[in-house]
C-alpha atoms as a PDB file:
ATOM      1  CA  UNK A   1      31.961  14.727  26.864  1.00  0.00           C
ATOM      2  CA  UNK A   2      34.434  13.444  28.950  1.00  0.00           C
ATOM      3  CA  UNK A   3      37.778  11.867  27.357  1.00  0.00           C
ATOM      4  CA  UNK A   4      41.618  11.274  27.592  1.00  0.00           C
ATOM      5  CA  UNK A   5      43.436  14.059  25.864  1.00  0.00           C
ATOM      6  CA  UNK A   6      46.982  13.843  24.558  1.00  0.00           C
ATOM      7  CA  UNK A   7      49.223  16.335  23.698  1.00  0.00           C
ATOM      8  CA  UNK A   8      51.005  16.314  20.298  1.00  0.00           C
ATOM      9  CA  UNK A   9      54.645  16.500  21.345  1.00  0.00           C
ATOM     10  CA  UNK A  10      56.656  13.158  21.322  1.00  0.00           C
ATOM     11  CA  UNK A  11      58.043  13.366  24.710  1.00  0.00           C
ATOM     12  CA  UNK A  12      54.482  13.992  26.278  1.00  0.00           C
ATOM     13  CA  UNK A  13      53.108  10.860  24.264  1.00  0.00           C
ATOM     14  CA  UNK A  14      53.264   8.423  27.102  1.00  0.00           C
ATOM     15  CA  UNK A  15      50.855  10.335  29.102  1.00  0.00           C
ATOM     16  CA  UNK A  16      46.948  11.000  28.676  1.00  0.00           C
ATOM     17  CA  UNK A  17      45.064  13.574  30.565  1.00  0.00           C
ATOM     18  CA  UNK A  18      41.411  13.058  31.885  1.00  0.00           C
ATOM     19  CA  UNK A  19      39.483  15.889  30.480  1.00  0.00           C
ATOM     20  CA  UNK A  20      35.999  17.117  30.603  1.00  0.00           C
ATOM     21  CA  UNK A  21      34.472  19.558  27.704  1.00  0.00           C
ATOM     22  CA  UNK A  22      31.023  20.871  28.468  1.00  0.00           C
ATOM     23  CA  UNK A  23      29.772  22.973  25.023  1.00  0.00           C
ATOM     24  CA  UNK A  24      26.784  25.419  25.920  1.00  0.00           C
ATOM     25  CA  UNK A  25      23.502  25.708  24.239  1.00  0.00           C
ATOM     26  CA  UNK A  26      24.628  29.433  23.040  1.00  0.00           C
ATOM     27  CA  UNK A  27      28.011  30.954  21.397  1.00  0.00           C
ATOM     28  CA  UNK A  28      30.226  32.495  24.550  1.00  0.00           C
ATOM     29  CA  UNK A  29      33.598  32.639  25.824  1.00  0.00           C
ATOM     30  CA  UNK A  30      35.512  29.508  26.614  1.00  0.00           C
ATOM     31  CA  UNK A  31      36.763  28.703  30.056  1.00  0.00           C
ATOM     32  CA  UNK A  32      39.461  26.351  30.806  1.00  0.00           C
ATOM     33  CA  UNK A  33      40.096  24.887  34.456  1.00  0.00           C
ATOM     34  CA  UNK A  34      43.027  22.740  36.000  1.00  0.00           C
ATOM     35  CA  UNK A  35      43.817  21.491  39.145  1.00  0.00           C
ATOM     36  CA  UNK A  36      46.715  18.971  40.608  1.00  0.00           C
ATOM     37  CA  UNK A  37      49.839  20.811  39.467  1.00  0.00           C
ATOM     38  CA  UNK A  38      50.984  19.686  42.689  1.00  0.00           C
ATOM     39  CA  UNK A  39      49.192  16.218  43.401  1.00  0.00           C
ATOM     40  CA  UNK A  40      48.682  16.753  46.929  1.00  0.00           C
ATOM     41  CA  UNK A  41      46.629  19.682  46.714  1.00  0.00           C
ATOM     42  CA  UNK A  42      43.362  17.658  46.850  1.00  0.00           C
ATOM     43  CA  UNK A  43      41.098  20.257  47.976  1.00  0.00           C
ATOM     44  CA  UNK A  44      41.939  22.051  44.431  1.00  0.00           C
ATOM     45  CA  UNK A  45      41.581  18.531  42.693  1.00  0.00           C
ATOM     46  CA  UNK A  46      38.173  17.910  44.255  1.00  0.00           C
ATOM     47  CA  UNK A  47      36.874  21.161  42.876  1.00  0.00           C
ATOM     48  CA  UNK A  48      37.991  20.552  39.464  1.00  0.00           C
ATOM     49  CA  UNK A  49      36.145  17.135  39.486  1.00  0.00           C
ATOM     50  CA  UNK A  50      32.897  18.756  40.981  1.00  0.00           C
ATOM     51  CA  UNK A  51      33.020  21.517  38.339  1.00  0.00           C
ATOM     52  CA  UNK A  52      32.329  18.797  35.759  1.00  0.00           C
ATOM     53  CA  UNK A  53      29.004  18.251  36.918  1.00  0.00           C
ATOM     54  CA  UNK A  54      27.998  22.094  37.808  1.00  0.00           C
ATOM     55  CA  UNK A  55      28.214  23.352  34.390  1.00  0.00           C
ATOM     56  CA  UNK A  56      24.596  22.608  32.653  1.00  0.00           C
ATOM     57  CA  UNK A  57      25.056  22.720  28.767  1.00  0.00           C
ATOM     58  CA  UNK A  58      21.460  24.090  28.447  1.00  0.00           C
ATOM     59  CA  UNK A  59      22.336  27.128  30.720  1.00  0.00           C
ATOM     60  CA  UNK A  60      25.947  27.939  29.304  1.00  0.00           C
ATOM     61  CA  UNK A  61      27.032  30.216  26.961  1.00  0.00           C
ATOM     62  CA  UNK A  62      30.229  29.215  25.306  1.00  0.00           C
ATOM     63  CA  UNK A  63      32.185  26.088  26.350  1.00  0.00           C
ATOM     64  CA  UNK A  64      34.019  24.815  29.642  1.00  0.00           C
ATOM     65  CA  UNK A  65      37.033  22.716  29.799  1.00  0.00           C
ATOM     66  CA  UNK A  66      38.503  21.031  32.600  1.00  0.00           C
ATOM     67  CA  UNK A  67      41.866  18.752  32.993  1.00  0.00           C
ATOM     68  CA  UNK A  68      41.615  17.883  36.941  1.00  0.00           C
ATOM     69  CA  UNK A  69      45.199  16.780  37.415  1.00  0.00           C
ATOM     70  CA  UNK A  70      47.993  18.392  35.087  1.00  0.00           C
ATOM     71  CA  UNK A  71      50.951  16.737  36.660  1.00  0.00           C
ATOM     72  CA  UNK A  72      50.081  13.107  35.608  1.00  0.00           C
ATOM     73  CA  UNK A  73      53.842  11.734  36.508  1.00  0.00           C
ATOM     74  CA  UNK A  74      53.324  12.648  40.149  1.00  0.00           C
ATOM     75  CA  UNK A  75      50.188  10.921  40.619  1.00  0.00           C
ATOM     76  CA  UNK A  76      50.846   7.707  42.912  1.00  0.00           C
ATOM     77  CA  UNK A  77      54.050   9.342  43.786  1.00  0.00           C
ATOM     78  CA  UNK A  78      52.702  11.959  46.062  1.00  0.00           C
ATOM     79  CA  UNK A  79      55.987  14.165  45.441  1.00  0.00           C
ATOM     80  CA  UNK A  80      55.821  17.449  46.885  1.00  0.00           C
ATOM     81  CA  UNK A  81      55.562  20.675  43.942  1.00  0.00           C
ATOM     82  CA  UNK A  82      57.367  18.890  41.452  1.00  0.00           C
ATOM     83  CA  UNK A  83      57.332  16.467  38.564  1.00  0.00           C
ATOM     84  CA  UNK A  84      59.271  13.237  39.488  1.00  0.00           C
ATOM     85  CA  UNK A  85      60.361  13.117  35.728  1.00  0.00           C
ATOM     86  CA  UNK A  86      62.775  16.190  35.531  1.00  0.00           C
ATOM     87  CA  UNK A  87      62.374  17.633  39.346  1.00  0.00           C
ATOM     88  CA  UNK A  88      60.925  20.944  37.992  1.00  0.00           C
ATOM     89  CA  UNK A  89      57.959  22.604  39.669  1.00  0.00           C
ATOM     90  CA  UNK A  90      55.441  23.124  37.050  1.00  0.00           C
ATOM     91  CA  UNK A  91      53.657  26.022  38.932  1.00  0.00           C
ATOM     92  CA  UNK A  92      56.806  28.090  38.119  1.00  0.00           C
ATOM     93  CA  UNK A  93      57.741  26.821  34.559  1.00  0.00           C
ATOM     94  CA  UNK A  94      55.026  28.919  32.542  1.00  0.00           C
ATOM     95  CA  UNK A  95      54.961  29.630  29.424  1.00  0.00           C
ATOM     96  CA  UNK A  96      57.504  26.777  28.975  1.00  0.00           C
ATOM     97  CA  UNK A  97      59.996  26.213  26.004  1.00  0.00           C
ATOM     98  CA  UNK A  98      60.228  24.011  23.213  1.00  0.00           C
ATOM     99  CA  UNK A  99      63.738  22.701  23.769  1.00  0.00           C
ATOM    100  CA  UNK A 100      62.911  21.983  27.397  1.00  0.00           C
ATOM    101  CA  UNK A 101      62.154  18.679  29.360  1.00  0.00           C
ATOM    102  CA  UNK A 102      58.794  17.457  30.501  1.00  0.00           C
ATOM    103  CA  UNK A 103      57.532  20.237  33.030  1.00  0.00           C
ATOM    104  CA  UNK A 104      58.754  22.845  30.076  1.00  0.00           C
ATOM    105  CA  UNK A 105      56.747  20.910  27.139  1.00  0.00           C
ATOM    106  CA  UNK A 106      53.490  20.681  29.418  1.00  0.00           C
ATOM    107  CA  UNK A 107      53.234  24.264  30.112  1.00  0.00           C
ATOM    108  CA  UNK A 108      53.878  25.019  26.395  1.00  0.00           C
ATOM    109  CA  UNK A 109      51.218  22.405  25.612  1.00  0.00           C
ATOM    110  CA  UNK A 110      48.774  23.798  28.021  1.00  0.00           C
ATOM    111  CA  UNK A 111      49.176  27.169  26.883  1.00  0.00           C
ATOM    112  CA  UNK A 112      49.376  26.844  22.782  1.00  0.00           C
ATOM    113  CA  UNK A 113      47.545  23.525  22.592  1.00  0.00           C
ATOM    114  CA  UNK A 114      44.452  22.969  25.241  1.00  0.00           C
ATOM    115  CA  UNK A 115      43.911  26.643  26.133  1.00  0.00           C
ATOM    116  CA  UNK A 116      44.174  28.303  22.630  1.00  0.00           C
ATOM    117  CA  UNK A 117      41.485  30.741  22.323  1.00  0.00           C
ATOM    118  CA  UNK A 118      40.369  30.722  26.012  1.00  0.00           C
ATOM    119  CA  UNK A 119      39.268  34.044  27.411  1.00  0.00           C
ATOM    120  CA  UNK A 120      40.516  32.668  30.766  1.00  0.00           C
ATOM    121  CA  UNK A 121      42.283  29.938  32.312  1.00  0.00           C
ATOM    122  CA  UNK A 122      42.023  29.076  36.167  1.00  0.00           C
ATOM    123  CA  UNK A 123      44.648  26.788  37.485  1.00  0.00           C
ATOM    124  CA  UNK A 124      43.431  25.581  41.351  1.00  0.00           C
ATOM    125  CA  UNK A 125      45.769  25.196  44.000  1.00  0.00           C
ATOM    126  CA  UNK A 126      46.512  25.164  47.831  1.00  0.00           C
ATOM    127  CA  UNK A 127      47.833  23.274  50.754  1.00  0.00           C
ATOM    128  CA  UNK A 128      50.639  20.472  50.084  1.00  0.00           C
ATOM    129  CA  UNK A 129      51.440  18.083  52.533  1.00  0.00           C
ATOM    130  CA  UNK A 130      53.517  20.305  54.431  1.00  0.00           C
ATOM    131  CA  UNK A 131      51.439  23.574  54.126  1.00  0.00           C
ATOM    132  CA  UNK A 132      48.864  25.490  55.589  1.00  0.00           C
ATOM    133  CA  UNK A 133      47.657  28.350  52.853  1.00  0.00           C
ATOM    134  CA  UNK A 134      45.103  31.067  53.491  1.00  0.00           C
ATOM    135  CA  UNK A 135      42.600  31.758  50.567  1.00  0.00           C
ATOM    136  CA  UNK A 136      44.031  33.743  48.174  1.00  0.00           C
ATOM    137  CA  UNK A 137      43.948  34.602  44.495  1.00  0.00           C
ATOM    138  CA  UNK A 138      46.700  35.499  42.135  1.00  0.00           C
ATOM    139  CA  UNK A 139      46.519  37.803  38.899  1.00  0.00           C
ATOM    140  CA  UNK A 140      49.511  39.565  36.752  1.00  0.00           C
ATOM    141  CA  UNK A 141      50.142  43.119  36.744  1.00  0.00           C
ATOM    142  CA  UNK A 142      51.500  44.127  33.430  1.00  0.00           C
ATOM    143  CA  UNK A 143      51.447  47.966  33.754  1.00  0.00           C
ATOM    144  CA  UNK A 144      48.354  48.231  30.877  1.00  0.00           C
ATOM    145  CA  UNK A 145      45.857  49.775  32.895  1.00  0.00           C
ATOM    146  CA  UNK A 146      42.697  47.894  30.713  1.00  0.00           C
ATOM    147  CA  UNK A 147      44.567  44.531  31.033  1.00  0.00           C
ATOM    148  CA  UNK A 148      45.407  44.750  34.797  1.00  0.00           C
ATOM    149  CA  UNK A 149      41.877  45.708  35.501  1.00  0.00           C
ATOM    150  CA  UNK A 150      40.402  42.773  33.796  1.00  0.00           C
ATOM    151  CA  UNK A 151      42.749  40.490  35.105  1.00  0.00           C
ATOM    152  CA  UNK A 152      42.142  42.149  38.845  1.00  0.00           C
ATOM    153  CA  UNK A 153      38.323  41.628  38.324  1.00  0.00           C
ATOM    154  CA  UNK A 154      38.811  37.931  37.625  1.00  0.00           C
ATOM    155  CA  UNK A 155      40.714  37.094  40.522  1.00  0.00           C
ATOM    156  CA  UNK A 156      38.417  39.118  42.666  1.00  0.00           C
ATOM    157  CA  UNK A 157      35.821  36.626  41.650  1.00  0.00           C
ATOM    158  CA  UNK A 158      37.647  34.414  44.704  1.00  0.00           C
ATOM    159  CA  UNK A 159      35.939  35.107  48.026  1.00  0.00           C
ATOM    160  CA  UNK A 160      39.532  35.562  49.208  1.00  0.00           C
ATOM    161  CA  UNK A 161      41.501  37.018  52.275  1.00  0.00           C
ATOM    162  CA  UNK A 162      44.090  38.387  49.661  1.00  0.00           C
ATOM    163  CA  UNK A 163      44.008  39.317  46.007  1.00  0.00           C
ATOM    164  CA  UNK A 164      47.912  39.291  44.892  1.00  0.00           C
ATOM    165  CA  UNK A 165      48.582  40.955  41.771  1.00  0.00           C
ATOM    166  CA  UNK A 166      51.969  40.045  41.170  1.00  0.00           C
ATOM    167  CA  UNK A 167      54.608  42.788  40.033  1.00  0.00           C
ATOM    168  CA  UNK A 168      55.398  43.524  36.326  1.00  0.00           C
ATOM    169  CA  UNK A 169      58.840  42.540  36.636  1.00  0.00           C
ATOM    170  CA  UNK A 170      57.710  38.765  37.331  1.00  0.00           C
ATOM    171  CA  UNK A 171      57.195  38.651  33.446  1.00  0.00           C
ATOM    172  CA  UNK A 172      60.916  38.861  32.960  1.00  0.00           C
ATOM    173  CA  UNK A 173      61.445  35.142  34.310  1.00  0.00           C
ATOM    174  CA  UNK A 174      59.128  31.704  33.789  1.00  0.00           C
ATOM    175  CA  UNK A 175      56.722  31.871  36.357  1.00  0.00           C
ATOM    176  CA  UNK A 176      53.036  31.108  37.468  1.00  0.00           C
ATOM    177  CA  UNK A 177      50.378  30.309  34.565  1.00  0.00           C
ATOM    178  CA  UNK A 178      49.003  34.216  35.434  1.00  0.00           C
ATOM    179  CA  UNK A 179      52.609  35.074  34.355  1.00  0.00           C
ATOM    180  CA  UNK A 180      53.331  33.044  31.334  1.00  0.00           C
ATOM    181  CA  UNK A 181      49.548  33.914  29.678  1.00  0.00           C
ATOM    182  CA  UNK A 182      50.240  38.074  30.784  1.00  0.00           C
ATOM    183  CA  UNK A 183      53.267  37.803  28.530  1.00  0.00           C
ATOM    184  CA  UNK A 184      51.320  36.545  25.484  1.00  0.00           C
ATOM    185  CA  UNK A 185      48.169  39.193  26.374  1.00  0.00           C
ATOM    186  CA  UNK A 186      46.208  36.398  27.897  1.00  0.00           C
ATOM    187  CA  UNK A 187      44.248  35.966  31.329  1.00  0.00           C
ATOM    188  CA  UNK A 188      45.028  33.409  33.712  1.00  0.00           C
ATOM    189  CA  UNK A 189      43.891  33.631  37.307  1.00  0.00           C
ATOM    190  CA  UNK A 190      45.327  31.161  40.369  1.00  0.00           C
ATOM    191  CA  UNK A 191      43.562  30.218  43.447  1.00  0.00           C
ATOM    192  CA  UNK A 192      44.880  28.913  46.858  1.00  0.00           C
ATOM    193  CA  UNK A 193      43.324  27.144  49.783  1.00  0.00           C
ATOM    194  CA  UNK A 194      43.901  24.089  51.753  1.00  0.00           C
ATOM    195  CA  UNK A 195      46.272  22.408  53.994  1.00  0.00           C
ATOM    196  CA  UNK A 196      47.962  19.110  54.843  1.00  0.00           C
ATOM    197  CA  UNK A 197      46.990  17.110  51.670  1.00  0.00           C
ATOM    198  CA  UNK A 198      43.638  17.058  52.818  1.00  0.00           C
ATOM    199  CA  UNK A 199      40.002  17.328  51.351  1.00  0.00           C
ATOM    200  CA  UNK A 200      38.549  20.278  53.090  1.00  0.00           C
ATOM    201  CA  UNK A 201      34.851  20.819  52.657  1.00  0.00           C
ATOM    202  CA  UNK A 202      35.471  24.772  52.940  1.00  0.00           C
ATOM    203  CA  UNK A 203      38.433  25.119  50.689  1.00  0.00           C
ATOM    204  CA  UNK A 204      36.655  23.094  47.929  1.00  0.00           C
ATOM    205  CA  UNK A 205      33.868  25.231  48.032  1.00  0.00           C
ATOM    206  CA  UNK A 206      36.137  28.294  47.550  1.00  0.00           C
ATOM    207  CA  UNK A 207      37.553  27.165  44.624  1.00  0.00           C
ATOM    208  CA  UNK A 208      34.322  26.041  43.066  1.00  0.00           C
ATOM    209  CA  UNK A 209      32.322  29.282  43.958  1.00  0.00           C
ATOM    210  CA  UNK A 210      35.504  31.232  42.593  1.00  0.00           C
ATOM    211  CA  UNK A 211      35.100  29.560  39.258  1.00  0.00           C
ATOM    212  CA  UNK A 212      31.512  29.899  38.915  1.00  0.00           C
ATOM    213  CA  UNK A 213      31.850  33.368  39.596  1.00  0.00           C
ATOM    214  CA  UNK A 214      34.380  33.696  36.872  1.00  0.00           C
ATOM    215  CA  UNK A 215      31.693  32.573  34.628  1.00  0.00           C
ATOM    216  CA  UNK A 216      29.129  34.741  35.793  1.00  0.00           C
ATOM    217  CA  UNK A 217      31.503  37.439  35.093  1.00  0.00           C
ATOM    218  CA  UNK A 218      32.204  36.397  31.520  1.00  0.00           C
ATOM    219  CA  UNK A 219      28.571  36.247  30.983  1.00  0.00           C
ATOM    220  CA  UNK A 220      28.605  32.254  30.834  1.00  0.00           C
ATOM    221  CA  UNK A 221      26.054  31.630  33.240  1.00  0.00           C
ATOM    222  CA  UNK A 222      23.018  33.655  35.057  1.00  0.00           C
ATOM    223  CA  UNK A 223      22.877  31.670  38.475  1.00  0.00           C
ATOM    224  CA  UNK A 224      22.946  34.104  41.612  1.00  0.00           C
ATOM    225  CA  UNK A 225      26.211  34.032  43.217  1.00  0.00           C
ATOM    226  CA  UNK A 226      26.931  33.237  46.844  1.00  0.00           C
ATOM    227  CA  UNK A 227      27.665  36.563  49.162  1.00  0.00           C
ATOM    228  CA  UNK A 228      31.455  37.503  49.500  1.00  0.00           C
ATOM    229  CA  UNK A 229      32.349  36.847  53.519  1.00  0.00           C
ATOM    230  CA  UNK A 230      36.232  37.771  53.308  1.00  0.00           C
ATOM    231  CA  UNK A 231      38.074  40.771  52.807  1.00  0.00           C
ATOM    232  CA  UNK A 232      39.902  40.416  49.613  1.00  0.00           C
ATOM    233  CA  UNK A 233      42.752  42.376  50.858  1.00  0.00           C
ATOM    234  CA  UNK A 234      44.729  44.042  47.525  1.00  0.00           C
ATOM    235  CA  UNK A 235      48.031  43.092  47.791  1.00  0.00           C
ATOM    236  CA  UNK A 236      51.061  43.767  45.196  1.00  0.00           C
ATOM    237  CA  UNK A 237      53.747  41.594  46.019  1.00  0.00           C
ATOM    238  CA  UNK A 238      54.621  38.499  48.104  1.00  0.00           C
ATOM    239  CA  UNK A 239      57.876  37.737  50.138  1.00  0.00           C
ATOM    240  CA  UNK A 240      58.899  34.293  50.897  1.00  0.00           C
ATOM    241  CA  UNK A 241      60.816  33.989  53.875  1.00  0.00           C
ATOM    242  CA  UNK A 242      63.678  31.594  54.425  1.00  0.00           C
ATOM    243  CA  UNK A 243      64.500  29.598  57.887  1.00  0.00           C
ATOM    244  CA  UNK A 244      67.389  31.142  59.724  1.00  0.00           C
ATOM    245  CA  UNK A 245      68.816  28.129  61.096  1.00  0.00           C
ATOM    246  CA  UNK A 246      68.782  24.712  60.700  1.00  0.00           C
ATOM    247  CA  UNK A 247      66.330  22.703  63.500  1.00  0.00           C
ATOM    248  CA  UNK A 248      62.739  23.061  64.432  1.00  0.00           C
ATOM    249  CA  UNK A 249      60.790  25.817  63.581  1.00  0.00           C
ATOM    250  CA  UNK A 250      57.962  26.936  65.789  1.00  0.00           C
ATOM    251  CA  UNK A 251      55.368  29.874  64.570  1.00  0.00           C
ATOM    252  CA  UNK A 252      53.367  32.336  66.334  1.00  0.00           C
ATOM    253  CA  UNK A 253      51.401  33.158  63.291  1.00  0.00           C
ATOM    254  CA  UNK A 254      48.710  31.486  61.174  1.00  0.00           C
ATOM    255  CA  UNK A 255      48.201  32.294  57.389  1.00  0.00           C
ATOM    256  CA  UNK A 256      45.850  35.170  57.059  1.00  0.00           C
ATOM    257  CA  UNK A 257      47.330  36.892  60.030  1.00  0.00           C
ATOM    258  CA  UNK A 258      48.322  40.609  59.817  1.00  0.00           C
ATOM    259  CA  UNK A 259      51.843  41.050  60.769  1.00  0.00           C
ATOM    260  CA  UNK A 260      54.311  44.152  61.271  1.00  0.00           C
ATOM    261  CA  UNK A 261      57.555  44.553  60.057  1.00  0.00           C
ATOM    262  CA  UNK A 262      60.086  43.279  62.505  1.00  0.00           C
ATOM    263  CA  UNK A 263      57.185  41.257  64.572  1.00  0.00           C
ATOM    264  CA  UNK A 264      58.543  37.984  65.998  1.00  0.00           C
ATOM    265  CA  UNK A 265      57.098  34.850  63.681  1.00  0.00           C
ATOM    266  CA  UNK A 266      58.438  32.334  65.379  1.00  0.00           C
ATOM    267  CA  UNK A 267      61.473  30.545  66.435  1.00  0.00           C
ATOM    268  CA  UNK A 268      63.994  27.722  65.387  1.00  0.00           C
ATOM    269  CA  UNK A 269      64.956  25.245  68.359  1.00  0.00           C
ATOM    270  CA  UNK A 270      67.636  22.580  68.297  1.00  0.00           C
ATOM    271  CA  UNK A 271      66.769  18.943  69.138  1.00  0.00           C
ATOM    272  CA  UNK A 272      67.390  19.805  72.885  1.00  0.00           C
ATOM    273  CA  UNK A 273      64.884  22.271  72.863  1.00  0.00           C
ATOM    274  CA  UNK A 274      67.218  25.008  73.108  1.00  0.00           C
ATOM    275  CA  UNK A 275      66.222  28.308  70.927  1.00  0.00           C
ATOM    276  CA  UNK A 276      68.783  28.685  68.196  1.00  0.00           C
ATOM    277  CA  UNK A 277      67.213  31.700  65.849  1.00  0.00           C
ATOM    278  CA  UNK A 278      64.042  33.898  65.787  1.00  0.00           C
ATOM    279  CA  UNK A 279      62.419  34.863  62.692  1.00  0.00           C
ATOM    280  CA  UNK A 280      61.231  38.134  62.082  1.00  0.00           C
ATOM    281  CA  UNK A 281      58.699  40.079  59.423  1.00  0.00           C
ATOM    282  CA  UNK A 282      60.716  41.590  56.793  1.00  0.00           C
ATOM    283  CA  UNK A 283      57.812  43.752  56.172  1.00  0.00           C
ATOM    284  CA  UNK A 284      53.908  44.909  57.244  1.00  0.00           C
ATOM    285  CA  UNK A 285      51.674  42.638  55.489  1.00  0.00           C
ATOM    286  CA  UNK A 286      49.142  39.263  55.665  1.00  0.00           C
ATOM    287  CA  UNK A 287      50.571  35.606  56.039  1.00  0.00           C
ATOM    288  CA  UNK A 288      49.801  33.854  52.707  1.00  0.00           C
ATOM    289  CA  UNK A 289      51.087  30.445  53.724  1.00  0.00           C
ATOM    290  CA  UNK A 290      53.713  28.683  56.006  1.00  0.00           C
ATOM    291  CA  UNK A 291      55.276  25.186  56.205  1.00  0.00           C
ATOM    292  CA  UNK A 292      53.791  23.328  59.150  1.00  0.00           C
ATOM    293  CA  UNK A 293      56.456  20.226  59.413  1.00  0.00           C
ATOM    294  CA  UNK A 294      58.734  22.258  62.030  1.00  0.00           C
ATOM    295  CA  UNK A 295      61.848  20.540  60.775  1.00  0.00           C
ATOM    296  CA  UNK A 296      63.684  22.899  58.205  1.00  0.00           C
ATOM    297  CA  UNK A 297      66.924  23.512  56.859  1.00  0.00           C
ATOM    298  CA  UNK A 298      68.459  26.878  56.947  1.00  0.00           C
ATOM    299  CA  UNK A 299      67.958  28.784  53.826  1.00  0.00           C
ATOM    300  CA  UNK A 300      64.300  26.754  53.183  1.00  0.00           C
ATOM    301  CA  UNK A 301      61.124  28.371  52.914  1.00  0.00           C
ATOM    302  CA  UNK A 302      59.302  28.766  55.975  1.00  0.00           C
ATOM    303  CA  UNK A 303      56.210  31.288  55.046  1.00  0.00           C
ATOM    304  CA  UNK A 304      55.389  33.659  52.494  1.00  0.00           C
ATOM    305  CA  UNK A 305      54.035  37.274  53.232  1.00  0.00           C
ATOM    306  CA  UNK A 306      52.032  39.421  51.218  1.00  0.00           C
ATOM    307  CA  UNK A 307      52.399  43.215  50.710  1.00  0.00           C
ATOM    308  CA  UNK A 308      49.455  45.377  50.642  1.00  0.00           C
ATOM    309  CA  UNK A 309      48.692  48.183  48.123  1.00  0.00           C
ATOM    310  CA  UNK A 310      49.266  51.489  49.291  1.00  0.00           C
ATOM    311  CA  UNK A 311      45.819  53.312  50.547  1.00  0.00           C
ATOM    312  CA  UNK A 312      44.291  55.658  47.967  1.00  0.00           C
END
């Protein structure tokens, strides 16, 4: 079934969300999938579009619900990261709030209307206009061993370079979908892959195969999965690294690279080509993403590093 979904709050009433619902021939779990929180992350959006045709009702146990583009106000505006109606990053606004602006209300509607009763919510991301992103997935750690083990297993369904378990302290503030859902004892996973606002076939396949693997893990489909090729390194936090000075940042590293504490990650030059500052790694870890447009102001995010879990 394909329709235009509307949410109940009057401040959301001017928008309708393209929505695909696939109901299986047998009872089973409910899986909700979205993309387009950031409208330039088009490999993720394309994956959500393709997934609508890959779940066959006759072979499906349960139901799958897909919204391929959540940030409707940003469509055709190509705004990076934020919703143009309120300037907020929807990705860091979960679980939302009833007295908030459009982004807050949308997050509440996603959690409490669309995904109500879902066994898992998967939000697909990766590669805005000025970004290059490695292949990784995110879940929220809570300190509850049983909850965290299941959340981690869902995130490991993606053939990722990094499986990032956010620290429990993340739940003290609004955050990504896995954070907002975990505060309610519910499961959500994010996937990241892509670059420069381009549809990249390998990144589309990363998202698609990861979602299908989650459906397999939940017992919704029986088809064999693709083999895993990446290491799925377990990481327990991520450090966002700021540009040390105004200027043009040129990186020595790329997403997926391992780096050591104090390693030179790149340098900032002025418009005469003269060096202004160095950027060194604050920790050992794996580069998650970096900004690809060199022009950065001091204090702007230049890249992020995931820190690995201690070896057991």
